[in-house]
Amino acid sequence: MTEEQKRYDPKDSTLKFVSRKDDITLDDDPNILRAEMPCGHAVTPQSLTAWCRSLLDQGQYKFLCPALKDGTTQKCGAVWPYVEVRRMALLTQEEQSHFEETMAVLAAAEYCEYNSCPGCKSFVERQDLTNLCVLCTICTAESDKRFEFCWQCFKEWKGPGPRSDRCDNSGCINPHIEKLLKCRDIILHEADNIRCPSMRACPTCGNLLEHDTTGCKNIICNRCQVEFCFSCLKLTSACLRTSSHFIPCRDGVAPRQTSIPCWRK
């Protein structure tokens, strides 16, 4: 069964069928059955599959309802449990495998800081997120000599440590900071033509994000789920005390970032 062939069984008594339009695509074809999610919004298996797949493609493994609350411009934002998504989207075996493998990788990246050791190639977790000097216990045990490598350039560590900026290897630069410094400018047309860098590091977790230039100046991080202003870099709740979603911030546009915030989970 392909995604286009998915159809609800009208005899399925476990589903609550509704006659209103699809709250994801806004389609109102009367010949297509739509069912109600736990939050009360209507979907088809196709629209639900496509939306949740798009979230995974954006690096988000928590499935949030995108529908607008009645009579408002505010998104529902309800979290749909995966078991409910799997059931309501009529996921095929192949889709289930893709969803579950992708969710596992994204969840691991959120809750662990790990990379491959340049010596033995095994995965090493970084315990201290402020220290680039990382010990590989496997290499140390095998060589009977302490082996440390740089989390930034992935070469054997040179120089004193701990350090949070770089090691003494030539060319040891943070590629994320390079991206932040060299990215192009964009204009947020719907937010009074604010000009700002096209890429920002989330002020909460340091995840790199881009604004698609549509809608308001605020964005929700797909890693930590915290909403912040792409212009002034304050959390949205703080920004809105002196501004609104579609006007320039009182403190102006924050300069390009020269450091990556460390996520204190």
C-alpha atoms as a PDB file:
ATOM      1  CA  MET A   1       0.000   0.000   0.000  1.00  0.00           C
ATOM      2  CA  THR A   2       1.441   3.367  -1.053  1.00  0.00           C
ATOM      3  CA  GLU A   3       0.856   6.637   0.762  1.00  0.00           C
ATOM      4  CA  GLU A   4      -1.632   7.710  -1.958  1.00  0.00           C
ATOM      5  CA  GLN A   5      -3.627   4.484  -1.572  1.00  0.00           C
ATOM      6  CA  LYS A   6      -4.189   4.844   2.161  1.00  0.00           C
ATOM      7  CA  ARG A   7      -7.829   5.016   3.164  1.00  0.00           C
ATOM      8  CA  TYR A   8      -9.572   4.621   6.491  1.00  0.00           C
ATOM      9  CA  ASP A   9     -11.913   1.680   6.859  1.00  0.00           C
ATOM     10  CA  PRO A  10     -15.367   3.187   7.477  1.00  0.00           C
ATOM     11  CA  LYS A  11     -16.162   0.152   9.646  1.00  0.00           C
ATOM     12  CA  ASP A  12     -13.262   0.856  12.016  1.00  0.00           C
ATOM     13  CA  SER A  13     -15.037   1.573  15.307  1.00  0.00           C
ATOM     14  CA  THR A  14     -11.802   2.642  17.001  1.00  0.00           C
ATOM     15  CA  LEU A  15     -11.705   5.856  14.946  1.00  0.00           C
ATOM     16  CA  LYS A  16     -13.896   8.922  15.287  1.00  0.00           C
ATOM     17  CA  PHE A  17     -14.799  10.059  11.786  1.00  0.00           C
ATOM     18  CA  VAL A  18     -15.684  13.691  11.096  1.00  0.00           C
ATOM     19  CA  SER A  19     -17.110  15.526   8.102  1.00  0.00           C
ATOM     20  CA  ARG A  20     -15.145  18.768   8.466  1.00  0.00           C
ATOM     21  CA  LYS A  21     -12.053  19.669   6.429  1.00  0.00           C
ATOM     22  CA  ASP A  22      -8.546  18.284   6.963  1.00  0.00           C
ATOM     23  CA  ASP A  23      -6.871  20.540   9.523  1.00  0.00           C
ATOM     24  CA  ILE A  24      -3.412  19.960   7.995  1.00  0.00           C
ATOM     25  CA  THR A  25      -4.076  20.405   4.270  1.00  0.00           C
ATOM     26  CA  LEU A  26      -7.458  22.197   4.576  1.00  0.00           C
ATOM     27  CA  ASP A  27      -8.843  19.786   1.960  1.00  0.00           C
ATOM     28  CA  ASP A  28     -12.613  19.278   2.257  1.00  0.00           C
ATOM     29  CA  ASP A  29     -13.261  16.570  -0.357  1.00  0.00           C
ATOM     30  CA  PRO A  30     -16.528  14.927   0.839  1.00  0.00           C
ATOM     31  CA  ASN A  31     -15.461  11.588  -0.654  1.00  0.00           C
ATOM     32  CA  ILE A  32     -12.456  11.203   1.653  1.00  0.00           C
ATOM     33  CA  LEU A  33     -12.840   9.955   5.209  1.00  0.00           C
ATOM     34  CA  ARG A  34     -11.183  12.073   7.891  1.00  0.00           C
ATOM     35  CA  ALA A  35     -10.617  11.025  11.482  1.00  0.00           C
ATOM     36  CA  GLU A  36     -10.096  13.023  14.650  1.00  0.00           C
ATOM     37  CA  MET A  37      -6.734  13.086  16.435  1.00  0.00           C
ATOM     38  CA  PRO A  38      -6.637  13.136  20.282  1.00  0.00           C
ATOM     39  CA  CYS A  39      -6.352  16.942  20.206  1.00  0.00           C
ATOM     40  CA  GLY A  40      -9.584  17.192  18.222  1.00  0.00           C
ATOM     41  CA  HIS A  41      -8.177  18.093  14.793  1.00  0.00           C
ATOM     42  CA  ALA A  42      -9.084  16.190  11.647  1.00  0.00           C
ATOM     43  CA  VAL A  43      -6.607  14.346   9.416  1.00  0.00           C
ATOM     44  CA  THR A  44      -6.376  11.784   6.672  1.00  0.00           C
ATOM     45  CA  PRO A  45      -3.721   9.051   6.723  1.00  0.00           C
ATOM     46  CA  GLN A  46      -1.992  10.794   3.796  1.00  0.00           C
ATOM     47  CA  SER A  47      -1.849  14.251   5.386  1.00  0.00           C
ATOM     48  CA  LEU A  48      -0.750  12.853   8.740  1.00  0.00           C
ATOM     49  CA  THR A  49       2.007  10.729   7.182  1.00  0.00           C
ATOM     50  CA  ALA A  50       3.290  13.613   5.054  1.00  0.00           C
ATOM     51  CA  TRP A  51       3.298  16.092   7.957  1.00  0.00           C
ATOM     52  CA  CYS A  52       5.085  13.764  10.368  1.00  0.00           C
ATOM     53  CA  ARG A  53       7.595  12.766   7.704  1.00  0.00           C
ATOM     54  CA  SER A  54       8.341  16.460   7.078  1.00  0.00           C
ATOM     55  CA  LEU A  55       9.000  16.947  10.805  1.00  0.00           C
ATOM     56  CA  LEU A  56      11.494  14.069  10.779  1.00  0.00           C
ATOM     57  CA  ASP A  57      13.189  15.589   7.717  1.00  0.00           C
ATOM     58  CA  GLN A  58      13.587  18.816   9.720  1.00  0.00           C
ATOM     59  CA  GLY A  59      15.282  16.925  12.546  1.00  0.00           C
ATOM     60  CA  GLN A  60      12.258  16.872  14.850  1.00  0.00           C
ATOM     61  CA  TYR A  61      11.112  13.573  16.317  1.00  0.00           C
ATOM     62  CA  LYS A  62       8.264  14.939  18.430  1.00  0.00           C
ATOM     63  CA  PHE A  63       5.089  15.132  16.384  1.00  0.00           C
ATOM     64  CA  LEU A  64       3.271  18.419  17.032  1.00  0.00           C
ATOM     65  CA  CYS A  65      -0.150  19.276  15.653  1.00  0.00           C
ATOM     66  CA  PRO A  66       0.191  22.151  13.129  1.00  0.00           C
ATOM     67  CA  ALA A  67      -3.529  23.049  13.053  1.00  0.00           C
ATOM     68  CA  LEU A  68      -4.669  26.503  14.110  1.00  0.00           C
ATOM     69  CA  LYS A  69      -6.885  26.840  17.134  1.00  0.00           C
ATOM     70  CA  ASP A  70     -10.408  27.905  16.204  1.00  0.00           C
ATOM     71  CA  GLY A  71     -10.656  31.593  15.416  1.00  0.00           C
ATOM     72  CA  THR A  72      -6.982  32.316  16.164  1.00  0.00           C
ATOM     73  CA  THR A  73      -3.587  32.374  14.470  1.00  0.00           C
ATOM     74  CA  GLN A  74      -2.110  30.238  17.250  1.00  0.00           C
ATOM     75  CA  LYS A  75      -1.024  26.697  16.437  1.00  0.00           C
ATOM     76  CA  CYS A  76      -2.472  23.824  18.445  1.00  0.00           C
ATOM     77  CA  GLY A  77       0.972  22.377  19.183  1.00  0.00           C
ATOM     78  CA  ALA A  78      -0.398  19.240  20.861  1.00  0.00           C
ATOM     79  CA  VAL A  79       2.157  16.420  20.998  1.00  0.00           C
ATOM     80  CA  TRP A  80       0.907  13.315  19.221  1.00  0.00           C
ATOM     81  CA  PRO A  81       2.329  10.078  20.691  1.00  0.00           C
ATOM     82  CA  TYR A  82       4.094   7.978  18.070  1.00  0.00           C
ATOM     83  CA  VAL A  83       1.824   4.991  18.741  1.00  0.00           C
ATOM     84  CA  GLU A  84      -1.129   7.206  17.855  1.00  0.00           C
ATOM     85  CA  VAL A  85       0.598   8.559  14.746  1.00  0.00           C
ATOM     86  CA  ARG A  86       1.443   5.012  13.640  1.00  0.00           C
ATOM     87  CA  ARG A  87      -2.175   3.946  14.033  1.00  0.00           C
ATOM     88  CA  MET A  88      -3.843   7.021  12.548  1.00  0.00           C
ATOM     89  CA  ALA A  89      -1.395   7.402   9.651  1.00  0.00           C
ATOM     90  CA  LEU A  90      -1.765   3.723   8.732  1.00  0.00           C
ATOM     91  CA  LEU A  91       2.007   3.478   8.503  1.00  0.00           C
ATOM     92  CA  THR A  92       3.295   0.635   6.359  1.00  0.00           C
ATOM     93  CA  GLN A  93       6.038  -1.664   7.664  1.00  0.00           C
ATOM     94  CA  GLU A  94       8.587   0.232   5.595  1.00  0.00           C
ATOM     95  CA  GLU A  95       7.357   3.577   6.930  1.00  0.00           C
ATOM     96  CA  GLN A  96       7.427   2.313  10.507  1.00  0.00           C
ATOM     97  CA  SER A  97      11.051   1.247  10.091  1.00  0.00           C
ATOM     98  CA  HIS A  98      12.004   4.634   8.643  1.00  0.00           C
ATOM     99  CA  PHE A  99      10.142   6.567  11.345  1.00  0.00           C
ATOM    100  CA  GLU A 100      11.499   4.530  14.249  1.00  0.00           C
ATOM    101  CA  GLU A 101      15.110   4.477  13.054  1.00  0.00           C
ATOM    102  CA  THR A 102      15.073   8.228  12.388  1.00  0.00           C
ATOM    103  CA  MET A 103      13.435   8.964  15.745  1.00  0.00           C
ATOM    104  CA  ALA A 104      16.086   6.886  17.536  1.00  0.00           C
ATOM    105  CA  VAL A 105      18.947   8.769  15.868  1.00  0.00           C
ATOM    106  CA  LEU A 106      17.390  12.183  16.565  1.00  0.00           C
ATOM    107  CA  ALA A 107      16.638  11.327  20.193  1.00  0.00           C
ATOM    108  CA  ALA A 108      20.189  10.091  20.731  1.00  0.00           C
ATOM    109  CA  ALA A 109      21.560  13.317  19.243  1.00  0.00           C
ATOM    110  CA  GLU A 110      19.372  15.351  21.602  1.00  0.00           C
ATOM    111  CA  TYR A 111      20.199  13.569  24.826  1.00  0.00           C
ATOM    112  CA  CYS A 112      23.828  12.603  24.137  1.00  0.00           C
ATOM    113  CA  GLU A 113      26.845  14.453  22.787  1.00  0.00           C
ATOM    114  CA  TYR A 114      28.782  11.815  20.887  1.00  0.00           C
ATOM    115  CA  ASN A 115      31.209  11.507  17.966  1.00  0.00           C
ATOM    116  CA  SER A 116      33.538   8.968  16.422  1.00  0.00           C
ATOM    117  CA  CYS A 117      37.057   8.807  17.893  1.00  0.00           C
ATOM    118  CA  PRO A 118      39.691   9.565  15.201  1.00  0.00           C
ATOM    119  CA  GLY A 119      41.857   6.767  16.588  1.00  0.00           C
ATOM    120  CA  CYS A 120      39.682   3.671  17.043  1.00  0.00           C
ATOM    121  CA  LYS A 121      36.522   5.001  15.318  1.00  0.00           C
ATOM    122  CA  SER A 122      34.347   3.960  18.255  1.00  0.00           C
ATOM    123  CA  PHE A 123      31.650   6.349  19.470  1.00  0.00           C
ATOM    124  CA  VAL A 124      32.681   8.507  22.392  1.00  0.00           C
ATOM    125  CA  GLU A 125      30.310  10.572  24.515  1.00  0.00           C
ATOM    126  CA  ARG A 126      31.470  14.002  25.656  1.00  0.00           C
ATOM    127  CA  GLN A 127      30.621  14.463  29.321  1.00  0.00           C
ATOM    128  CA  ASP A 128      31.747  18.083  29.731  1.00  0.00           C
ATOM    129  CA  LEU A 129      30.117  20.150  26.966  1.00  0.00           C
ATOM    130  CA  THR A 130      32.430  23.091  27.693  1.00  0.00           C
ATOM    131  CA  ASN A 131      35.651  21.112  27.148  1.00  0.00           C
ATOM    132  CA  LEU A 132      36.881  20.243  23.649  1.00  0.00           C
ATOM    133  CA  CYS A 133      39.573  17.910  25.011  1.00  0.00           C
ATOM    134  CA  VAL A 134      38.024  14.420  25.117  1.00  0.00           C
ATOM    135  CA  LEU A 135      39.532  11.194  26.417  1.00  0.00           C
ATOM    136  CA  CYS A 136      39.035   7.954  24.471  1.00  0.00           C
ATOM    137  CA  THR A 137      39.190   5.131  27.000  1.00  0.00           C
ATOM    138  CA  ILE A 138      39.504   2.441  24.305  1.00  0.00           C
ATOM    139  CA  CYS A 139      42.562   4.003  22.643  1.00  0.00           C
ATOM    140  CA  THR A 140      44.044   4.707  26.062  1.00  0.00           C
ATOM    141  CA  ALA A 141      43.604   1.078  27.152  1.00  0.00           C
ATOM    142  CA  GLU A 142      44.966  -0.373  23.907  1.00  0.00           C
ATOM    143  CA  SER A 143      48.063   1.843  23.741  1.00  0.00           C
ATOM    144  CA  ASP A 144      48.611   2.053  27.498  1.00  0.00           C
ATOM    145  CA  LYS A 145      48.974   5.794  26.912  1.00  0.00           C
ATOM    146  CA  ARG A 146      46.416   8.500  27.525  1.00  0.00           C
ATOM    147  CA  PHE A 147      44.775   9.364  24.199  1.00  0.00           C
ATOM    148  CA  GLU A 148      42.838  12.626  23.929  1.00  0.00           C
ATOM    149  CA  PHE A 149      41.405  14.200  20.822  1.00  0.00           C
ATOM    150  CA  CYS A 150      39.830  17.517  19.907  1.00  0.00           C
ATOM    151  CA  TRP A 151      36.045  17.505  19.609  1.00  0.00           C
ATOM    152  CA  GLN A 152      36.292  20.340  17.094  1.00  0.00           C
ATOM    153  CA  CYS A 153      38.979  19.342  14.560  1.00  0.00           C
ATOM    154  CA  PHE A 154      39.038  15.572  15.411  1.00  0.00           C
ATOM    155  CA  LYS A 155      42.811  15.411  15.600  1.00  0.00           C
ATOM    156  CA  GLU A 156      44.883  14.159  18.507  1.00  0.00           C
ATOM    157  CA  TRP A 157      44.801  16.872  21.168  1.00  0.00           C
ATOM    158  CA  LYS A 158      47.637  19.396  21.194  1.00  0.00           C
ATOM    159  CA  GLY A 159      48.322  21.958  23.880  1.00  0.00           C
ATOM    160  CA  PRO A 160      46.987  22.507  27.382  1.00  0.00           C
ATOM    161  CA  GLY A 161      43.456  21.639  28.380  1.00  0.00           C
ATOM    162  CA  PRO A 162      40.663  21.855  29.205  1.00  0.00           C
ATOM    163  CA  ARG A 163      39.688  24.476  26.621  1.00  0.00           C
ATOM    164  CA  SER A 164      36.355  25.483  25.113  1.00  0.00           C
ATOM    165  CA  ASP A 165      37.566  27.425  22.044  1.00  0.00           C
ATOM    166  CA  ARG A 166      40.163  25.279  20.200  1.00  0.00           C
ATOM    167  CA  CYS A 167      43.251  23.077  20.549  1.00  0.00           C
ATOM    168  CA  ASP A 168      46.753  23.957  19.297  1.00  0.00           C
ATOM    169  CA  ASN A 169      46.421  22.073  15.997  1.00  0.00           C
ATOM    170  CA  SER A 170      46.590  24.392  12.999  1.00  0.00           C
ATOM    171  CA  GLY A 171      43.227  24.958  11.368  1.00  0.00           C
ATOM    172  CA  CYS A 172      41.254  24.064  14.491  1.00  0.00           C
ATOM    173  CA  ILE A 173      38.174  26.185  13.938  1.00  0.00           C
ATOM    174  CA  ASN A 174      34.535  25.635  14.786  1.00  0.00           C
ATOM    175  CA  PRO A 175      32.711  25.039  11.467  1.00  0.00           C
ATOM    176  CA  HIS A 176      29.429  26.142  13.043  1.00  0.00           C
ATOM    177  CA  ILE A 177      30.863  29.521  13.977  1.00  0.00           C
ATOM    178  CA  GLU A 178      32.265  29.847  10.451  1.00  0.00           C
ATOM    179  CA  LYS A 179      28.769  29.287   9.071  1.00  0.00           C
ATOM    180  CA  LEU A 180      27.291  31.878  11.430  1.00  0.00           C
ATOM    181  CA  LEU A 181      29.885  34.463  10.438  1.00  0.00           C
ATOM    182  CA  LYS A 182      29.747  33.855   6.685  1.00  0.00           C
ATOM    183  CA  CYS A 183      26.051  33.198   6.047  1.00  0.00           C
ATOM    184  CA  ARG A 184      24.123  35.634   3.863  1.00  0.00           C
ATOM    185  CA  ASP A 185      21.649  38.216   5.092  1.00  0.00           C
ATOM    186  CA  ILE A 186      17.908  37.758   4.661  1.00  0.00           C
ATOM    187  CA  ILE A 187      14.923  40.105   4.887  1.00  0.00           C
ATOM    188  CA  LEU A 188      11.869  39.126   6.941  1.00  0.00           C
ATOM    189  CA  HIS A 189       9.302  40.794   4.693  1.00  0.00           C
ATOM    190  CA  GLU A 190       6.300  40.052   6.890  1.00  0.00           C
ATOM    191  CA  ALA A 191       8.085  41.439   9.946  1.00  0.00           C
ATOM    192  CA  ASP A 192       8.521  45.012   8.715  1.00  0.00           C
ATOM    193  CA  ASN A 193      11.441  44.050   6.429  1.00  0.00           C
ATOM    194  CA  ILE A 194      13.875  43.239   9.235  1.00  0.00           C
ATOM    195  CA  ARG A 195      17.327  42.414   7.834  1.00  0.00           C
ATOM    196  CA  CYS A 196      19.297  39.801   9.771  1.00  0.00           C
ATOM    197  CA  PRO A 197      21.670  36.844   9.229  1.00  0.00           C
ATOM    198  CA  SER A 198      20.058  33.842   7.540  1.00  0.00           C
ATOM    199  CA  MET A 199      21.464  31.454  10.166  1.00  0.00           C
ATOM    200  CA  ARG A 200      21.379  31.589  13.962  1.00  0.00           C
ATOM    201  CA  ALA A 201      22.459  29.321  16.783  1.00  0.00           C
ATOM    202  CA  CYS A 202      19.568  28.594  19.126  1.00  0.00           C
ATOM    203  CA  PRO A 203      20.235  30.611  22.312  1.00  0.00           C
ATOM    204  CA  THR A 204      19.132  27.630  24.408  1.00  0.00           C
ATOM    205  CA  CYS A 205      20.831  24.583  22.864  1.00  0.00           C
ATOM    206  CA  GLY A 206      23.173  25.940  20.171  1.00  0.00           C
ATOM    207  CA  ASN A 207      21.450  24.136  17.289  1.00  0.00           C
ATOM    208  CA  LEU A 208      21.980  25.942  13.941  1.00  0.00           C
ATOM    209  CA  LEU A 209      18.737  27.121  12.363  1.00  0.00           C
ATOM    210  CA  GLU A 210      17.681  29.018   9.255  1.00  0.00           C
ATOM    211  CA  HIS A 211      14.592  31.218   8.825  1.00  0.00           C
ATOM    212  CA  ASP A 212      12.583  30.578   5.652  1.00  0.00           C
ATOM    213  CA  THR A 213      11.711  34.344   5.565  1.00  0.00           C
ATOM    214  CA  THR A 214       7.967  33.692   5.776  1.00  0.00           C
ATOM    215  CA  GLY A 215       5.724  34.559   8.702  1.00  0.00           C
ATOM    216  CA  CYS A 216       6.833  36.295  11.878  1.00  0.00           C
ATOM    217  CA  LYS A 217      10.349  36.859  13.218  1.00  0.00           C
ATOM    218  CA  ASN A 218      10.100  34.051  15.802  1.00  0.00           C
ATOM    219  CA  ILE A 219      11.138  30.460  15.256  1.00  0.00           C
ATOM    220  CA  ILE A 220      10.864  27.215  17.247  1.00  0.00           C
ATOM    221  CA  CYS A 221      14.072  25.198  17.569  1.00  0.00           C
ATOM    222  CA  ASN A 222      13.568  21.683  16.228  1.00  0.00           C
ATOM    223  CA  ARG A 223      16.013  20.334  18.800  1.00  0.00           C
ATOM    224  CA  CYS A 224      15.017  21.796  22.176  1.00  0.00           C
ATOM    225  CA  GLN A 225      11.535  23.057  21.157  1.00  0.00           C
ATOM    226  CA  VAL A 226      12.236  26.526  22.604  1.00  0.00           C
ATOM    227  CA  GLU A 227      10.853  29.500  20.660  1.00  0.00           C
ATOM    228  CA  PHE A 228      13.074  32.543  20.192  1.00  0.00           C
ATOM    229  CA  CYS A 229      13.282  35.710  18.135  1.00  0.00           C
ATOM    230  CA  PHE A 230      15.494  35.350  15.054  1.00  0.00           C
ATOM    231  CA  SER A 231      16.219  39.070  15.151  1.00  0.00           C
ATOM    232  CA  CYS A 232      17.198  39.928  18.737  1.00  0.00           C
ATOM    233  CA  LEU A 233      17.907  36.308  19.837  1.00  0.00           C
ATOM    234  CA  LYS A 234      15.854  36.675  23.000  1.00  0.00           C
ATOM    235  CA  LEU A 235      13.348  34.012  23.973  1.00  0.00           C
ATOM    236  CA  THR A 236      10.017  34.904  22.396  1.00  0.00           C
ATOM    237  CA  SER A 237       8.396  35.475  25.783  1.00  0.00           C
ATOM    238  CA  ALA A 238      11.053  38.092  26.613  1.00  0.00           C
ATOM    239  CA  CYS A 239      11.015  39.720  23.172  1.00  0.00           C
ATOM    240  CA  LEU A 240       7.244  40.147  23.189  1.00  0.00           C
ATOM    241  CA  ARG A 241       7.337  42.185  26.393  1.00  0.00           C
ATOM    242  CA  THR A 242       8.534  45.178  24.379  1.00  0.00           C
ATOM    243  CA  SER A 243       7.669  44.170  20.814  1.00  0.00           C
ATOM    244  CA  SER A 244       5.327  41.973  18.770  1.00  0.00           C
ATOM    245  CA  HIS A 245       5.710  39.164  16.249  1.00  0.00           C
ATOM    246  CA  PHE A 246       5.764  41.413  13.191  1.00  0.00           C
ATOM    247  CA  ILE A 247       7.619  44.598  14.202  1.00  0.00           C
ATOM    248  CA  PRO A 248      11.319  45.316  14.861  1.00  0.00           C
ATOM    249  CA  CYS A 249      12.678  44.502  18.310  1.00  0.00           C
ATOM    250  CA  ARG A 250      13.257  47.351  20.740  1.00  0.00           C
ATOM    251  CA  ASP A 251      16.932  46.391  21.120  1.00  0.00           C
ATOM    252  CA  GLY A 252      17.448  46.004  17.370  1.00  0.00           C
ATOM    253  CA  VAL A 253      19.001  43.107  15.473  1.00  0.00           C
ATOM    254  CA  ALA A 254      21.532  41.050  17.414  1.00  0.00           C
ATOM    255  CA  PRO A 255      24.978  40.859  15.740  1.00  0.00           C
ATOM    256  CA  ARG A 256      26.299  37.676  14.199  1.00  0.00           C
ATOM    257  CA  GLN A 257      27.102  35.124  16.875  1.00  0.00           C
ATOM    258  CA  THR A 258      30.750  34.364  17.608  1.00  0.00           C
ATOM    259  CA  SER A 259      30.139  31.497  20.033  1.00  0.00           C
ATOM    260  CA  ILE A 260      27.771  28.536  20.260  1.00  0.00           C
ATOM    261  CA  PRO A 261      25.519  28.390  23.343  1.00  0.00           C
ATOM    262  CA  CYS A 262      26.004  25.261  25.441  1.00  0.00           C
ATOM    263  CA  TRP A 263      22.822  23.338  26.249  1.00  0.00           C
ATOM    264  CA  ARG A 264      22.400  22.882  29.996  1.00  0.00           C
ATOM    265  CA  LYS A 265      19.849  20.054  29.972  1.00  0.00           C
END
